[in-house]
């Protein structure tokens, strides 16, 4: 017999799925060697590890060593580039992008492996809230991209606004309360000495950057706060007001799983930068930078 077990052989021995083995490796529970990018498990050390167990079968011990598997879902703020990359990478990770605050709630509830965030934080983005809520948990805050955010306007407006004060009297398209763009809107209003009472909101809200731009393109609203990429998709006027950093809050164990690694590998290839340039308003040069690492 070989001195080493493969991931598949160890999973069969423990009677667990291979994904559970990767969880055990990520939590430093198993003796393991990394050889040319592969995980190999020394047979004698694995046998000793099994012999040290005192609580039922090896599979039960393995199951207790890690939390229940989280669904392969990225939640949080909507971003067209992220949506595209998850799909194009064929990582098997699904997207449920229904707002930054929704993503935070799903991360805390254990119903996603990552959440996209763009919350104003003093002169920066995201860190204070993440530290407060996840400071003692194994979450990592990775930079996804920087985006240009501003006023998206109907192309046929006689006098398009150049700042929020000039949008008074125009039909303003809002997003859902959980959206990070609503947090950014409040900061920009405060910066200009305005409040939401100075806006003329339409009756409905839109739940994505793309839907907001579509509402303006079809004439349901005159103006809204969105990203440059969405404005360009519908050939709308765009007035930049803010560069924002969009981060991914990632469950640390999930980061090392094959699905997320496939996504990361894809994002480091030239295709992501080319797509970002084509969409417009993106800067992906900081992709992967760590802005927070929980205990």
C-alpha atoms as a PDB file:
ATOM      1  CA  UNK A   1       0.000   0.000   0.000  1.00  0.00           C
ATOM      2  CA  UNK A   2       1.109   3.561  -0.667  1.00  0.00           C
ATOM      3  CA  UNK A   3       2.523   5.611   2.194  1.00  0.00           C
ATOM      4  CA  UNK A   4       0.086   8.376   1.311  1.00  0.00           C
ATOM      5  CA  UNK A   5      -3.656   8.610   0.787  1.00  0.00           C
ATOM      6  CA  UNK A   6      -5.279  10.847  -1.783  1.00  0.00           C
ATOM      7  CA  UNK A   7      -8.224  13.070  -0.884  1.00  0.00           C
ATOM      8  CA  UNK A   8     -10.623  10.599  -2.484  1.00  0.00           C
ATOM      9  CA  UNK A   9      -9.090   7.620  -0.650  1.00  0.00           C
ATOM     10  CA  UNK A  10      -9.240   9.403   2.690  1.00  0.00           C
ATOM     11  CA  UNK A  11     -12.863  10.428   2.126  1.00  0.00           C
ATOM     12  CA  UNK A  12     -13.734   6.782   1.414  1.00  0.00           C
ATOM     13  CA  UNK A  13     -11.886   5.680   4.548  1.00  0.00           C
ATOM     14  CA  UNK A  14     -13.718   8.196   6.732  1.00  0.00           C
ATOM     15  CA  UNK A  15     -17.018   7.644   4.914  1.00  0.00           C
ATOM     16  CA  UNK A  16     -17.459  11.335   4.280  1.00  0.00           C
ATOM     17  CA  UNK A  17     -17.608  13.487   1.152  1.00  0.00           C
ATOM     18  CA  UNK A  18     -14.377  14.870  -0.282  1.00  0.00           C
ATOM     19  CA  UNK A  19     -15.548  18.369   0.567  1.00  0.00           C
ATOM     20  CA  UNK A  20     -15.518  17.395   4.255  1.00  0.00           C
ATOM     21  CA  UNK A  21     -11.867  16.409   3.914  1.00  0.00           C
ATOM     22  CA  UNK A  22     -11.061  19.880   2.541  1.00  0.00           C
ATOM     23  CA  UNK A  23     -12.894  21.381   5.552  1.00  0.00           C
ATOM     24  CA  UNK A  24     -10.712  19.332   7.909  1.00  0.00           C
ATOM     25  CA  UNK A  25      -7.570  20.455   6.098  1.00  0.00           C
ATOM     26  CA  UNK A  26      -8.654  24.108   6.270  1.00  0.00           C
ATOM     27  CA  UNK A  27      -9.261  23.806  10.014  1.00  0.00           C
ATOM     28  CA  UNK A  28      -5.816  22.182  10.508  1.00  0.00           C
ATOM     29  CA  UNK A  29      -7.419  19.061  11.935  1.00  0.00           C
ATOM     30  CA  UNK A  30      -5.759  16.487   9.651  1.00  0.00           C
ATOM     31  CA  UNK A  31      -2.094  15.623   9.091  1.00  0.00           C
ATOM     32  CA  UNK A  32      -1.415  16.564   5.471  1.00  0.00           C
ATOM     33  CA  UNK A  33       1.356  17.232   2.976  1.00  0.00           C
ATOM     34  CA  UNK A  34       1.160  19.480  -0.069  1.00  0.00           C
ATOM     35  CA  UNK A  35       3.080  18.153  -3.057  1.00  0.00           C
ATOM     36  CA  UNK A  36       3.009  20.031  -6.388  1.00  0.00           C
ATOM     37  CA  UNK A  37      -0.354  21.510  -5.497  1.00  0.00           C
ATOM     38  CA  UNK A  38      -1.938  18.219  -4.411  1.00  0.00           C
ATOM     39  CA  UNK A  39      -3.011  17.170  -0.927  1.00  0.00           C
ATOM     40  CA  UNK A  40      -1.491  13.904   0.295  1.00  0.00           C
ATOM     41  CA  UNK A  41      -2.181  12.331   3.694  1.00  0.00           C
ATOM     42  CA  UNK A  42       0.514  10.218   5.406  1.00  0.00           C
ATOM     43  CA  UNK A  43      -1.106   6.841   6.062  1.00  0.00           C
ATOM     44  CA  UNK A  44       0.642   6.190   9.402  1.00  0.00           C
ATOM     45  CA  UNK A  45      -0.190   9.653  10.761  1.00  0.00           C
ATOM     46  CA  UNK A  46      -3.814   9.284   9.646  1.00  0.00           C
ATOM     47  CA  UNK A  47      -4.018   5.913  11.414  1.00  0.00           C
ATOM     48  CA  UNK A  48      -2.586   7.510  14.564  1.00  0.00           C
ATOM     49  CA  UNK A  49      -5.096  10.357  14.268  1.00  0.00           C
ATOM     50  CA  UNK A  50      -7.918   7.851  13.957  1.00  0.00           C
ATOM     51  CA  UNK A  51      -6.629   5.845  16.884  1.00  0.00           C
ATOM     52  CA  UNK A  52      -6.647   8.948  19.063  1.00  0.00           C
ATOM     53  CA  UNK A  53     -10.376   9.388  18.551  1.00  0.00           C
ATOM     54  CA  UNK A  54     -12.632   8.422  21.445  1.00  0.00           C
ATOM     55  CA  UNK A  55     -16.077   9.396  20.177  1.00  0.00           C
ATOM     56  CA  UNK A  56     -17.641   6.909  17.793  1.00  0.00           C
ATOM     57  CA  UNK A  57     -16.716   6.426  14.161  1.00  0.00           C
ATOM     58  CA  UNK A  58     -14.139   8.412  12.216  1.00  0.00           C
ATOM     59  CA  UNK A  59     -16.921   9.868  10.097  1.00  0.00           C
ATOM     60  CA  UNK A  60     -18.715  11.162  13.180  1.00  0.00           C
ATOM     61  CA  UNK A  61     -15.496  12.695  14.478  1.00  0.00           C
ATOM     62  CA  UNK A  62     -14.862  14.321  11.132  1.00  0.00           C
ATOM     63  CA  UNK A  63     -18.382  15.698  11.067  1.00  0.00           C
ATOM     64  CA  UNK A  64     -17.955  17.232  14.506  1.00  0.00           C
ATOM     65  CA  UNK A  65     -14.635  18.816  13.608  1.00  0.00           C
ATOM     66  CA  UNK A  66     -16.169  21.366  11.229  1.00  0.00           C
ATOM     67  CA  UNK A  67     -19.403  23.304  10.941  1.00  0.00           C
ATOM     68  CA  UNK A  68     -22.162  22.057   8.702  1.00  0.00           C
ATOM     69  CA  UNK A  69     -21.389  22.785   5.063  1.00  0.00           C
ATOM     70  CA  UNK A  70     -22.537  26.177   3.851  1.00  0.00           C
ATOM     71  CA  UNK A  71     -24.385  26.373   0.522  1.00  0.00           C
ATOM     72  CA  UNK A  72     -22.257  27.389  -2.469  1.00  0.00           C
ATOM     73  CA  UNK A  73     -23.822  30.840  -2.741  1.00  0.00           C
ATOM     74  CA  UNK A  74     -22.383  34.347  -2.980  1.00  0.00           C
ATOM     75  CA  UNK A  75     -24.859  36.833  -1.517  1.00  0.00           C
ATOM     76  CA  UNK A  76     -24.706  40.590  -0.935  1.00  0.00           C
ATOM     77  CA  UNK A  77     -24.553  43.628  -3.178  1.00  0.00           C
ATOM     78  CA  UNK A  78     -25.277  43.394  -6.871  1.00  0.00           C
ATOM     79  CA  UNK A  79     -22.386  43.748  -9.283  1.00  0.00           C
ATOM     80  CA  UNK A  80     -22.608  42.896 -13.011  1.00  0.00           C
ATOM     81  CA  UNK A  81     -18.925  41.962 -13.201  1.00  0.00           C
ATOM     82  CA  UNK A  82     -19.188  39.603 -10.224  1.00  0.00           C
ATOM     83  CA  UNK A  83     -22.333  38.045 -11.647  1.00  0.00           C
ATOM     84  CA  UNK A  84     -20.517  37.440 -14.937  1.00  0.00           C
ATOM     85  CA  UNK A  85     -17.363  36.024 -13.303  1.00  0.00           C
ATOM     86  CA  UNK A  86     -19.286  33.536 -11.153  1.00  0.00           C
ATOM     87  CA  UNK A  87     -21.074  32.271 -14.230  1.00  0.00           C
ATOM     88  CA  UNK A  88     -18.108  32.349 -16.624  1.00  0.00           C
ATOM     89  CA  UNK A  89     -15.690  30.628 -14.213  1.00  0.00           C
ATOM     90  CA  UNK A  90     -17.956  27.548 -14.092  1.00  0.00           C
ATOM     91  CA  UNK A  91     -17.125  27.285 -10.418  1.00  0.00           C
ATOM     92  CA  UNK A  92     -20.558  25.958  -9.485  1.00  0.00           C
ATOM     93  CA  UNK A  93     -21.090  28.892  -7.098  1.00  0.00           C
ATOM     94  CA  UNK A  94     -24.511  30.491  -7.348  1.00  0.00           C
ATOM     95  CA  UNK A  95     -25.249  34.221  -7.016  1.00  0.00           C
ATOM     96  CA  UNK A  96     -28.025  35.672  -4.854  1.00  0.00           C
ATOM     97  CA  UNK A  97     -27.166  39.366  -4.979  1.00  0.00           C
ATOM     98  CA  UNK A  98     -29.972  41.173  -3.156  1.00  0.00           C
ATOM     99  CA  UNK A  99     -28.140  43.885  -1.260  1.00  0.00           C
ATOM    100  CA  UNK A 100     -25.176  44.413   1.046  1.00  0.00           C
ATOM    101  CA  UNK A 101     -27.199  44.262   4.262  1.00  0.00           C
ATOM    102  CA  UNK A 102     -28.975  41.130   3.053  1.00  0.00           C
ATOM    103  CA  UNK A 103     -25.557  39.590   2.412  1.00  0.00           C
ATOM    104  CA  UNK A 104     -24.378  40.406   5.924  1.00  0.00           C
ATOM    105  CA  UNK A 105     -27.474  38.745   7.379  1.00  0.00           C
ATOM    106  CA  UNK A 106     -26.971  35.634   5.245  1.00  0.00           C
ATOM    107  CA  UNK A 107     -23.307  35.419   6.205  1.00  0.00           C
ATOM    108  CA  UNK A 108     -24.214  35.590   9.896  1.00  0.00           C
ATOM    109  CA  UNK A 109     -26.918  32.944   9.401  1.00  0.00           C
ATOM    110  CA  UNK A 110     -24.534  30.557   7.626  1.00  0.00           C
ATOM    111  CA  UNK A 111     -26.484  30.492   4.362  1.00  0.00           C
ATOM    112  CA  UNK A 112     -23.692  31.645   2.023  1.00  0.00           C
ATOM    113  CA  UNK A 113     -19.941  31.246   1.612  1.00  0.00           C
ATOM    114  CA  UNK A 114     -19.320  34.891   0.666  1.00  0.00           C
ATOM    115  CA  UNK A 115     -21.060  38.262   0.591  1.00  0.00           C
ATOM    116  CA  UNK A 116     -20.380  41.296  -1.587  1.00  0.00           C
ATOM    117  CA  UNK A 117     -20.173  44.528   0.414  1.00  0.00           C
ATOM    118  CA  UNK A 118     -19.865  48.245  -0.366  1.00  0.00           C
ATOM    119  CA  UNK A 119     -20.644  50.114   2.869  1.00  0.00           C
ATOM    120  CA  UNK A 120     -19.228  53.592   3.498  1.00  0.00           C
ATOM    121  CA  UNK A 121     -16.868  53.495   6.476  1.00  0.00           C
ATOM    122  CA  UNK A 122     -15.370  56.870   7.340  1.00  0.00           C
ATOM    123  CA  UNK A 123     -12.882  57.531   4.574  1.00  0.00           C
ATOM    124  CA  UNK A 124     -12.906  53.857   3.564  1.00  0.00           C
ATOM    125  CA  UNK A 125     -15.202  50.929   3.025  1.00  0.00           C
ATOM    126  CA  UNK A 126     -16.681  47.981   4.908  1.00  0.00           C
ATOM    127  CA  UNK A 127     -14.073  47.286   7.595  1.00  0.00           C
ATOM    128  CA  UNK A 128     -15.695  48.711  10.749  1.00  0.00           C
ATOM    129  CA  UNK A 129     -18.979  46.852  10.318  1.00  0.00           C
ATOM    130  CA  UNK A 130     -17.203  43.614   9.452  1.00  0.00           C
ATOM    131  CA  UNK A 131     -14.911  43.912  12.483  1.00  0.00           C
ATOM    132  CA  UNK A 132     -17.899  44.610  14.716  1.00  0.00           C
ATOM    133  CA  UNK A 133     -20.000  41.739  13.436  1.00  0.00           C
ATOM    134  CA  UNK A 134     -17.404  39.117  12.465  1.00  0.00           C
ATOM    135  CA  UNK A 135     -14.260  40.112  14.358  1.00  0.00           C
ATOM    136  CA  UNK A 136     -13.980  36.803  16.220  1.00  0.00           C
ATOM    137  CA  UNK A 137     -15.059  34.522  13.393  1.00  0.00           C
ATOM    138  CA  UNK A 138     -13.079  33.010  10.500  1.00  0.00           C
ATOM    139  CA  UNK A 139     -14.083  35.477   7.787  1.00  0.00           C
ATOM    140  CA  UNK A 140     -11.741  37.268   5.386  1.00  0.00           C
ATOM    141  CA  UNK A 141     -12.495  40.533   3.574  1.00  0.00           C
ATOM    142  CA  UNK A 142     -11.012  40.470   0.074  1.00  0.00           C
ATOM    143  CA  UNK A 143     -11.100  43.301  -2.427  1.00  0.00           C
ATOM    144  CA  UNK A 144     -13.182  42.514  -5.496  1.00  0.00           C
ATOM    145  CA  UNK A 145     -13.044  45.796  -7.429  1.00  0.00           C
ATOM    146  CA  UNK A 146     -13.329  49.551  -7.264  1.00  0.00           C
ATOM    147  CA  UNK A 147     -16.332  51.022  -9.069  1.00  0.00           C
ATOM    148  CA  UNK A 148     -17.356  54.450 -10.297  1.00  0.00           C
ATOM    149  CA  UNK A 149     -20.744  55.422  -8.827  1.00  0.00           C
ATOM    150  CA  UNK A 150     -22.743  58.496  -9.709  1.00  0.00           C
ATOM    151  CA  UNK A 151     -25.915  59.864 -11.233  1.00  0.00           C
ATOM    152  CA  UNK A 152     -27.455  57.879 -14.079  1.00  0.00           C
ATOM    153  CA  UNK A 153     -29.687  60.167 -16.132  1.00  0.00           C
ATOM    154  CA  UNK A 154     -32.087  59.920 -19.042  1.00  0.00           C
ATOM    155  CA  UNK A 155     -30.295  60.842 -22.238  1.00  0.00           C
ATOM    156  CA  UNK A 156     -33.068  63.257 -23.305  1.00  0.00           C
ATOM    157  CA  UNK A 157     -33.067  65.471 -20.206  1.00  0.00           C
ATOM    158  CA  UNK A 158     -32.821  69.128 -21.258  1.00  0.00           C
ATOM    159  CA  UNK A 159     -30.540  69.920 -18.328  1.00  0.00           C
ATOM    160  CA  UNK A 160     -28.949  66.809 -16.789  1.00  0.00           C
ATOM    161  CA  UNK A 161     -27.900  67.275 -13.140  1.00  0.00           C
ATOM    162  CA  UNK A 162     -24.208  67.442 -12.303  1.00  0.00           C
ATOM    163  CA  UNK A 163     -24.783  66.830  -8.573  1.00  0.00           C
ATOM    164  CA  UNK A 164     -27.544  65.676  -6.237  1.00  0.00           C
ATOM    165  CA  UNK A 165     -28.804  69.203  -5.527  1.00  0.00           C
ATOM    166  CA  UNK A 166     -29.637  69.593  -9.187  1.00  0.00           C
ATOM    167  CA  UNK A 167     -31.678  66.368  -9.139  1.00  0.00           C
ATOM    168  CA  UNK A 168     -34.410  67.990  -7.018  1.00  0.00           C
ATOM    169  CA  UNK A 169     -37.684  67.956  -8.913  1.00  0.00           C
ATOM    170  CA  UNK A 170     -36.612  65.018 -11.098  1.00  0.00           C
ATOM    171  CA  UNK A 171     -38.160  61.567 -10.640  1.00  0.00           C
ATOM    172  CA  UNK A 172     -35.555  59.708  -8.602  1.00  0.00           C
ATOM    173  CA  UNK A 173     -35.149  55.930  -8.744  1.00  0.00           C
ATOM    174  CA  UNK A 174     -34.231  54.263  -5.437  1.00  0.00           C
ATOM    175  CA  UNK A 175     -32.989  50.770  -4.601  1.00  0.00           C
ATOM    176  CA  UNK A 176     -34.240  48.436  -1.859  1.00  0.00           C
ATOM    177  CA  UNK A 177     -33.317  49.397   1.750  1.00  0.00           C
ATOM    178  CA  UNK A 178     -30.813  46.500   2.002  1.00  0.00           C
ATOM    179  CA  UNK A 179     -28.758  47.784  -0.942  1.00  0.00           C
ATOM    180  CA  UNK A 180     -25.334  49.277  -0.265  1.00  0.00           C
ATOM    181  CA  UNK A 181     -26.097  52.021  -2.790  1.00  0.00           C
ATOM    182  CA  UNK A 182     -28.739  53.353  -0.393  1.00  0.00           C
ATOM    183  CA  UNK A 183     -26.033  53.736   2.272  1.00  0.00           C
ATOM    184  CA  UNK A 184     -23.857  55.562  -0.246  1.00  0.00           C
ATOM    185  CA  UNK A 185     -26.809  57.775  -1.207  1.00  0.00           C
ATOM    186  CA  UNK A 186     -27.286  58.841   2.414  1.00  0.00           C
ATOM    187  CA  UNK A 187     -23.613  59.794   2.673  1.00  0.00           C
ATOM    188  CA  UNK A 188     -23.682  61.783  -0.553  1.00  0.00           C
ATOM    189  CA  UNK A 189     -26.875  63.598   0.490  1.00  0.00           C
ATOM    190  CA  UNK A 190     -25.301  64.518   3.808  1.00  0.00           C
ATOM    191  CA  UNK A 191     -22.197  65.752   2.029  1.00  0.00           C
ATOM    192  CA  UNK A 192     -24.341  68.204   0.027  1.00  0.00           C
ATOM    193  CA  UNK A 193     -26.449  69.257   3.025  1.00  0.00           C
ATOM    194  CA  UNK A 194     -29.523  67.419   1.738  1.00  0.00           C
ATOM    195  CA  UNK A 195     -31.904  64.771   3.043  1.00  0.00           C
ATOM    196  CA  UNK A 196     -34.184  62.263   1.386  1.00  0.00           C
ATOM    197  CA  UNK A 197     -36.993  64.796   1.696  1.00  0.00           C
ATOM    198  CA  UNK A 198     -35.200  66.755  -1.055  1.00  0.00           C
ATOM    199  CA  UNK A 199     -35.669  63.890  -3.517  1.00  0.00           C
ATOM    200  CA  UNK A 200     -38.727  63.038  -5.584  1.00  0.00           C
ATOM    201  CA  UNK A 201     -38.713  59.214  -5.478  1.00  0.00           C
ATOM    202  CA  UNK A 202     -40.822  57.115  -7.817  1.00  0.00           C
ATOM    203  CA  UNK A 203     -43.235  54.638  -6.262  1.00  0.00           C
ATOM    204  CA  UNK A 204     -41.225  51.461  -6.912  1.00  0.00           C
ATOM    205  CA  UNK A 205     -37.710  50.359  -5.963  1.00  0.00           C
ATOM    206  CA  UNK A 206     -35.294  48.385  -8.124  1.00  0.00           C
ATOM    207  CA  UNK A 207     -33.267  45.485  -6.726  1.00  0.00           C
ATOM    208  CA  UNK A 208     -30.134  45.581  -8.900  1.00  0.00           C
ATOM    209  CA  UNK A 209     -27.795  48.046 -10.588  1.00  0.00           C
ATOM    210  CA  UNK A 210     -28.989  46.815 -13.974  1.00  0.00           C
ATOM    211  CA  UNK A 211     -32.681  47.142 -13.101  1.00  0.00           C
ATOM    212  CA  UNK A 212     -32.159  50.711 -11.875  1.00  0.00           C
ATOM    213  CA  UNK A 213     -30.553  51.689 -15.175  1.00  0.00           C
ATOM    214  CA  UNK A 214     -33.313  49.919 -17.105  1.00  0.00           C
ATOM    215  CA  UNK A 215     -35.979  51.870 -15.194  1.00  0.00           C
ATOM    216  CA  UNK A 216     -34.346  55.125 -16.311  1.00  0.00           C
ATOM    217  CA  UNK A 217     -33.816  53.905 -19.887  1.00  0.00           C
ATOM    218  CA  UNK A 218     -37.505  53.018 -20.227  1.00  0.00           C
ATOM    219  CA  UNK A 219     -38.649  56.360 -18.813  1.00  0.00           C
ATOM    220  CA  UNK A 220     -40.013  55.142 -15.485  1.00  0.00           C
ATOM    221  CA  UNK A 221     -37.612  57.523 -13.724  1.00  0.00           C
ATOM    222  CA  UNK A 222     -35.406  60.473 -14.697  1.00  0.00           C
ATOM    223  CA  UNK A 223     -32.339  59.881 -12.546  1.00  0.00           C
ATOM    224  CA  UNK A 224     -30.876  57.499  -9.970  1.00  0.00           C
ATOM    225  CA  UNK A 225     -27.658  56.651  -8.154  1.00  0.00           C
ATOM    226  CA  UNK A 226     -25.902  53.772  -9.904  1.00  0.00           C
ATOM    227  CA  UNK A 227     -22.631  52.496 -11.308  1.00  0.00           C
ATOM    228  CA  UNK A 228     -21.042  53.567 -14.579  1.00  0.00           C
ATOM    229  CA  UNK A 229     -21.145  50.036 -16.032  1.00  0.00           C
ATOM    230  CA  UNK A 230     -24.947  49.949 -15.789  1.00  0.00           C
ATOM    231  CA  UNK A 231     -25.305  53.396 -17.350  1.00  0.00           C
ATOM    232  CA  UNK A 232     -23.115  52.424 -20.300  1.00  0.00           C
ATOM    233  CA  UNK A 233     -25.093  49.222 -20.860  1.00  0.00           C
ATOM    234  CA  UNK A 234     -28.181  51.322 -21.666  1.00  0.00           C
ATOM    235  CA  UNK A 235     -26.387  54.297 -23.297  1.00  0.00           C
ATOM    236  CA  UNK A 236     -27.441  56.636 -20.493  1.00  0.00           C
ATOM    237  CA  UNK A 237     -25.743  59.805 -19.281  1.00  0.00           C
ATOM    238  CA  UNK A 238     -23.492  59.305 -16.264  1.00  0.00           C
ATOM    239  CA  UNK A 239     -22.085  61.840 -13.796  1.00  0.00           C
ATOM    240  CA  UNK A 240     -19.415  60.304 -11.501  1.00  0.00           C
ATOM    241  CA  UNK A 241     -19.720  61.256  -7.818  1.00  0.00           C
ATOM    242  CA  UNK A 242     -17.868  58.569  -5.878  1.00  0.00           C
ATOM    243  CA  UNK A 243     -15.356  55.768  -6.277  1.00  0.00           C
ATOM    244  CA  UNK A 244     -16.334  52.889  -4.033  1.00  0.00           C
ATOM    245  CA  UNK A 245     -14.585  49.682  -3.023  1.00  0.00           C
ATOM    246  CA  UNK A 246     -16.610  46.517  -3.422  1.00  0.00           C
ATOM    247  CA  UNK A 247     -15.259  43.681  -1.240  1.00  0.00           C
ATOM    248  CA  UNK A 248     -16.056  40.003  -0.822  1.00  0.00           C
ATOM    249  CA  UNK A 249     -16.501  38.770   2.743  1.00  0.00           C
ATOM    250  CA  UNK A 250     -15.442  35.111   2.432  1.00  0.00           C
ATOM    251  CA  UNK A 251     -15.835  32.215   4.882  1.00  0.00           C
ATOM    252  CA  UNK A 252     -12.202  31.164   5.329  1.00  0.00           C
ATOM    253  CA  UNK A 253     -12.757  27.427   4.913  1.00  0.00           C
ATOM    254  CA  UNK A 254     -14.727  28.001   1.720  1.00  0.00           C
ATOM    255  CA  UNK A 255     -11.843  29.993   0.251  1.00  0.00           C
ATOM    256  CA  UNK A 256      -9.708  26.829   0.079  1.00  0.00           C
ATOM    257  CA  UNK A 257     -12.387  24.627  -1.423  1.00  0.00           C
ATOM    258  CA  UNK A 258     -12.020  23.660  -5.101  1.00  0.00           C
ATOM    259  CA  UNK A 259     -15.082  25.638  -6.201  1.00  0.00           C
ATOM    260  CA  UNK A 260     -13.872  28.960  -4.793  1.00  0.00           C
ATOM    261  CA  UNK A 261     -10.298  28.311  -5.891  1.00  0.00           C
ATOM    262  CA  UNK A 262     -11.587  27.754  -9.428  1.00  0.00           C
ATOM    263  CA  UNK A 263     -13.346  31.120  -9.214  1.00  0.00           C
ATOM    264  CA  UNK A 264     -10.201  32.863  -7.898  1.00  0.00           C
ATOM    265  CA  UNK A 265      -8.007  31.308 -10.578  1.00  0.00           C
ATOM    266  CA  UNK A 266     -10.378  32.518 -13.269  1.00  0.00           C
ATOM    267  CA  UNK A 267     -10.401  36.035 -11.817  1.00  0.00           C
ATOM    268  CA  UNK A 268      -6.604  36.233 -11.920  1.00  0.00           C
ATOM    269  CA  UNK A 269      -6.608  35.502 -15.669  1.00  0.00           C
ATOM    270  CA  UNK A 270      -6.717  38.318 -18.274  1.00  0.00           C
ATOM    271  CA  UNK A 271     -10.392  37.680 -19.061  1.00  0.00           C
ATOM    272  CA  UNK A 272     -11.594  39.494 -15.928  1.00  0.00           C
ATOM    273  CA  UNK A 273      -9.616  42.666 -16.640  1.00  0.00           C
ATOM    274  CA  UNK A 274     -10.779  42.632 -20.257  1.00  0.00           C
ATOM    275  CA  UNK A 275     -14.421  42.294 -19.212  1.00  0.00           C
ATOM    276  CA  UNK A 276     -14.043  45.064 -16.611  1.00  0.00           C
ATOM    277  CA  UNK A 277     -12.626  47.411 -19.248  1.00  0.00           C
ATOM    278  CA  UNK A 278     -15.433  46.565 -21.667  1.00  0.00           C
ATOM    279  CA  UNK A 279     -18.115  47.247 -19.050  1.00  0.00           C
ATOM    280  CA  UNK A 280     -16.444  50.488 -17.929  1.00  0.00           C
ATOM    281  CA  UNK A 281     -16.079  52.144 -14.546  1.00  0.00           C
ATOM    282  CA  UNK A 282     -14.096  49.314 -12.924  1.00  0.00           C
ATOM    283  CA  UNK A 283     -10.595  49.043 -11.484  1.00  0.00           C
ATOM    284  CA  UNK A 284      -9.695  45.411 -10.717  1.00  0.00           C
ATOM    285  CA  UNK A 285      -5.989  46.006 -10.055  1.00  0.00           C
ATOM    286  CA  UNK A 286      -6.479  45.416  -6.310  1.00  0.00           C
ATOM    287  CA  UNK A 287      -8.343  42.117  -6.688  1.00  0.00           C
ATOM    288  CA  UNK A 288      -7.552  39.732  -3.841  1.00  0.00           C
ATOM    289  CA  UNK A 289      -6.092  42.316  -1.448  1.00  0.00           C
ATOM    290  CA  UNK A 290      -6.919  41.375   2.164  1.00  0.00           C
ATOM    291  CA  UNK A 291      -8.568  44.196   4.118  1.00  0.00           C
ATOM    292  CA  UNK A 292      -9.663  42.163   7.161  1.00  0.00           C
ATOM    293  CA  UNK A 293      -8.842  38.728   8.557  1.00  0.00           C
ATOM    294  CA  UNK A 294     -11.003  37.480  11.426  1.00  0.00           C
ATOM    295  CA  UNK A 295      -9.653  35.475  14.352  1.00  0.00           C
END
